[in-house]
C-alpha atoms as a PDB file:
ATOM      1  CA  UNK A   1       0.355   0.080   0.157  1.00  0.00           C
ATOM      2  CA  UNK A   2       1.797   3.262  -1.406  1.00  0.00           C
ATOM      3  CA  UNK A   3       1.484   6.123   1.148  1.00  0.00           C
ATOM      4  CA  UNK A   4       1.799   9.750   0.174  1.00  0.00           C
ATOM      5  CA  UNK A   5       4.953  12.000   1.987  1.00  0.00           C
ATOM      6  CA  UNK A   6       2.133  13.573   3.826  1.00  0.00           C
ATOM      7  CA  UNK A   7       0.677  10.073   5.121  1.00  0.00           C
ATOM      8  CA  UNK A   8       3.499   8.829   6.198  1.00  0.00           C
ATOM      9  CA  UNK A   9       4.836  11.832   8.347  1.00  0.00           C
ATOM     10  CA  UNK A  10       1.074  12.171   9.960  1.00  0.00           C
ATOM     11  CA  UNK A  11       1.832   8.321  10.825  1.00  0.00           C
ATOM     12  CA  UNK A  12       5.150   8.859  12.330  1.00  0.00           C
ATOM     13  CA  UNK A  13       4.431  12.204  13.865  1.00  0.00           C
ATOM     14  CA  UNK A  14       1.278  10.606  15.428  1.00  0.00           C
ATOM     15  CA  UNK A  15       3.665   7.121  16.667  1.00  0.00           C
ATOM     16  CA  UNK A  16       5.612   9.892  18.767  1.00  0.00           C
ATOM     17  CA  UNK A  17       3.077  11.187  20.765  1.00  0.00           C
ATOM     18  CA  UNK A  18       2.032   7.838  21.580  1.00  0.00           C
ATOM     19  CA  UNK A  19       5.552   7.441  22.360  1.00  0.00           C
ATOM     20  CA  UNK A  20       6.981   4.584  20.058  1.00  0.00           C
ATOM     21  CA  UNK A  21       9.162   5.358  17.002  1.00  0.00           C
ATOM     22  CA  UNK A  22       8.451   3.613  13.548  1.00  0.00           C
ATOM     23  CA  UNK A  23      11.637   2.027  13.614  1.00  0.00           C
ATOM     24  CA  UNK A  24      11.178  -0.228  16.951  1.00  0.00           C
ATOM     25  CA  UNK A  25       8.117  -0.981  16.334  1.00  0.00           C
ATOM     26  CA  UNK A  26       9.471  -2.811  12.386  1.00  0.00           C
ATOM     27  CA  UNK A  27      12.562  -4.510  14.308  1.00  0.00           C
ATOM     28  CA  UNK A  28       9.556  -5.726  16.985  1.00  0.00           C
ATOM     29  CA  UNK A  29       8.277  -7.668  13.746  1.00  0.00           C
ATOM     30  CA  UNK A  30       5.375  -4.903  13.480  1.00  0.00           C
ATOM     31  CA  UNK A  31       3.778  -6.194  16.645  1.00  0.00           C
ATOM     32  CA  UNK A  32       2.678  -3.908  19.196  1.00  0.00           C
ATOM     33  CA  UNK A  33      -0.281  -3.538  22.343  1.00  0.00           C
ATOM     34  CA  UNK A  34      -2.956  -1.853  21.367  1.00  0.00           C
ATOM     35  CA  UNK A  35      -5.782   0.229  23.710  1.00  0.00           C
ATOM     36  CA  UNK A  36      -9.483   0.413  23.102  1.00  0.00           C
ATOM     37  CA  UNK A  37     -10.875   3.943  23.792  1.00  0.00           C
ATOM     38  CA  UNK A  38     -12.903   1.788  26.607  1.00  0.00           C
ATOM     39  CA  UNK A  39      -8.668   0.928  28.331  1.00  0.00           C
ATOM     40  CA  UNK A  40      -9.332  -3.245  27.255  1.00  0.00           C
ATOM     41  CA  UNK A  41      -5.359  -3.872  26.113  1.00  0.00           C
ATOM     42  CA  UNK A  42      -5.355  -6.012  23.335  1.00  0.00           C
ATOM     43  CA  UNK A  43      -1.735  -6.988  23.074  1.00  0.00           C
ATOM     44  CA  UNK A  44       0.353  -8.440  19.872  1.00  0.00           C
ATOM     45  CA  UNK A  45      -1.620  -7.105  17.191  1.00  0.00           C
ATOM     46  CA  UNK A  46      -0.072  -6.312  13.863  1.00  0.00           C
ATOM     47  CA  UNK A  47       1.414  -2.651  13.983  1.00  0.00           C
ATOM     48  CA  UNK A  48       2.255  -2.712   9.799  1.00  0.00           C
ATOM     49  CA  UNK A  49       0.918   0.484   7.742  1.00  0.00           C
ATOM     50  CA  UNK A  50      -2.032  -1.188   6.861  1.00  0.00           C
ATOM     51  CA  UNK A  51      -3.161  -2.098  10.713  1.00  0.00           C
ATOM     52  CA  UNK A  52      -2.129   1.408  11.842  1.00  0.00           C
ATOM     53  CA  UNK A  53      -4.732   2.792   9.432  1.00  0.00           C
ATOM     54  CA  UNK A  54      -7.534   0.390  10.334  1.00  0.00           C
ATOM     55  CA  UNK A  55      -6.634   0.472  14.088  1.00  0.00           C
ATOM     56  CA  UNK A  56      -6.521   4.447  14.308  1.00  0.00           C
ATOM     57  CA  UNK A  57      -9.931   4.062  12.601  1.00  0.00           C
ATOM     58  CA  UNK A  58     -11.723   2.549  15.091  1.00  0.00           C
ATOM     59  CA  UNK A  59     -10.267   4.910  17.925  1.00  0.00           C
ATOM     60  CA  UNK A  60      -7.393   2.210  19.081  1.00  0.00           C
ATOM     61  CA  UNK A  61      -4.182   3.850  20.337  1.00  0.00           C
ATOM     62  CA  UNK A  62      -0.999   2.702  21.437  1.00  0.00           C
ATOM     63  CA  UNK A  63      -0.769   4.653  24.810  1.00  0.00           C
ATOM     64  CA  UNK A  64      -3.767   3.425  27.336  1.00  0.00           C
ATOM     65  CA  UNK A  65      -6.261   6.319  27.395  1.00  0.00           C
ATOM     66  CA  UNK A  66      -5.863   8.577  30.690  1.00  0.00           C
ATOM     67  CA  UNK A  67      -9.907   8.561  30.993  1.00  0.00           C
ATOM     68  CA  UNK A  68     -11.968   5.829  29.932  1.00  0.00           C
ATOM     69  CA  UNK A  69     -15.082   6.152  27.967  1.00  0.00           C
ATOM     70  CA  UNK A  70     -17.511   4.049  28.827  1.00  0.00           C
ATOM     71  CA  UNK A  71     -20.201   2.986  26.283  1.00  0.00           C
ATOM     72  CA  UNK A  72     -23.651   4.635  27.576  1.00  0.00           C
ATOM     73  CA  UNK A  73     -26.426   1.586  26.747  1.00  0.00           C
ATOM     74  CA  UNK A  74     -29.485   3.318  24.642  1.00  0.00           C
ATOM     75  CA  UNK A  75     -32.625   3.661  26.654  1.00  0.00           C
ATOM     76  CA  UNK A  76     -34.918   0.414  25.993  1.00  0.00           C
ATOM     77  CA  UNK A  77     -37.595   0.790  23.865  1.00  0.00           C
ATOM     78  CA  UNK A  78     -40.764  -1.024  24.743  1.00  0.00           C
ATOM     79  CA  UNK A  79     -41.178  -4.273  23.358  1.00  0.00           C
ATOM     80  CA  UNK A  80     -43.841  -5.028  21.018  1.00  0.00           C
ATOM     81  CA  UNK A  81     -46.480  -8.130  21.800  1.00  0.00           C
ATOM     82  CA  UNK A  82     -45.435 -10.944  20.582  1.00  0.00           C
ATOM     83  CA  UNK A  83     -47.577 -12.209  17.830  1.00  0.00           C
ATOM     84  CA  UNK A  84     -49.077 -15.736  18.058  1.00  0.00           C
ATOM     85  CA  UNK A  85     -46.238 -18.421  16.290  1.00  0.00           C
ATOM     86  CA  UNK A  86     -47.566 -19.297  13.090  1.00  0.00           C
ATOM     87  CA  UNK A  87     -48.380 -22.926  12.987  1.00  0.00           C
ATOM     88  CA  UNK A  88     -45.865 -24.370  10.374  1.00  0.00           C
ATOM     89  CA  UNK A  89     -47.295 -25.741   7.496  1.00  0.00           C
ATOM     90  CA  UNK A  90     -49.153 -29.526   8.102  1.00  0.00           C
ATOM     91  CA  UNK A  91     -51.192 -31.826   6.587  1.00  0.00           C
ATOM     92  CA  UNK A  92     -54.104 -31.729   8.743  1.00  0.00           C
ATOM     93  CA  UNK A  93     -55.313 -35.073  10.806  1.00  0.00           C
ATOM     94  CA  UNK A  94     -58.741 -34.464  11.661  1.00  0.00           C
ATOM     95  CA  UNK A  95     -61.358 -37.568  13.626  1.00  0.00           C
ATOM     96  CA  UNK A  96     -64.160 -38.742  11.215  1.00  0.00           C
ATOM     97  CA  UNK A  97     -66.793 -36.608  12.930  1.00  0.00           C
ATOM     98  CA  UNK A  98     -67.747 -33.626  10.996  1.00  0.00           C
ATOM     99  CA  UNK A  99     -66.172 -30.235  13.008  1.00  0.00           C
ATOM    100  CA  UNK A 100     -63.131 -32.139  14.850  1.00  0.00           C
ATOM    101  CA  UNK A 101     -60.723 -29.885  15.361  1.00  0.00           C
ATOM    102  CA  UNK A 102     -57.104 -31.073  14.066  1.00  0.00           C
ATOM    103  CA  UNK A 103     -55.103 -33.517  16.322  1.00  0.00           C
ATOM    104  CA  UNK A 104     -51.877 -31.091  15.495  1.00  0.00           C
ATOM    105  CA  UNK A 105     -51.018 -28.441  18.399  1.00  0.00           C
ATOM    106  CA  UNK A 106     -51.567 -25.039  17.567  1.00  0.00           C
ATOM    107  CA  UNK A 107     -53.810 -25.346  14.441  1.00  0.00           C
ATOM    108  CA  UNK A 108     -57.378 -24.671  15.194  1.00  0.00           C
ATOM    109  CA  UNK A 109     -58.663 -25.914  11.620  1.00  0.00           C
ATOM    110  CA  UNK A 110     -61.478 -28.008  12.126  1.00  0.00           C
ATOM    111  CA  UNK A 111     -62.679 -30.774   9.668  1.00  0.00           C
ATOM    112  CA  UNK A 112     -65.257 -29.704   7.218  1.00  0.00           C
ATOM    113  CA  UNK A 113     -66.287 -32.000   5.201  1.00  0.00           C
ATOM    114  CA  UNK A 114     -67.587 -35.366   5.314  1.00  0.00           C
ATOM    115  CA  UNK A 115     -65.162 -38.365   5.902  1.00  0.00           C
ATOM    116  CA  UNK A 116     -65.378 -41.261   3.571  1.00  0.00           C
ATOM    117  CA  UNK A 117     -63.328 -43.868   3.814  1.00  0.00           C
ATOM    118  CA  UNK A 118     -60.717 -44.827   0.675  1.00  0.00           C
ATOM    119  CA  UNK A 119     -61.473 -47.164  -1.519  1.00  0.00           C
ATOM    120  CA  UNK A 120     -58.513 -49.676  -2.496  1.00  0.00           C
ATOM    121  CA  UNK A 121     -57.147 -49.483  -5.982  1.00  0.00           C
ATOM    122  CA  UNK A 122     -56.988 -52.567  -8.033  1.00  0.00           C
ATOM    123  CA  UNK A 123     -53.183 -53.364  -9.114  1.00  0.00           C
END
């Protein structure tokens, strides 16, 4: 990833402000301990050009933050009333009398057609 001179000087200035020297990071196999804004330390993460740009974009630093920012939880919204769960598609099974309820739990269908015994088909 090619960087412009301005980007390189900005990165090196930022590293000096963090108390690091770029040459030390390169000699240290490009690994460093990064700190999240809430103060969580994450050791042994990459510190090459690509990852410095990514981690800085997340607000991470190479030095622990002086003040820890605790994320505030959003105000809970009232939960909507749950709708009854739909019964999965199934083949209804009824008793023989007309108006018998379906034997599948949760199904509210009733027999609408008069029961007729199946006829045997000649083979």
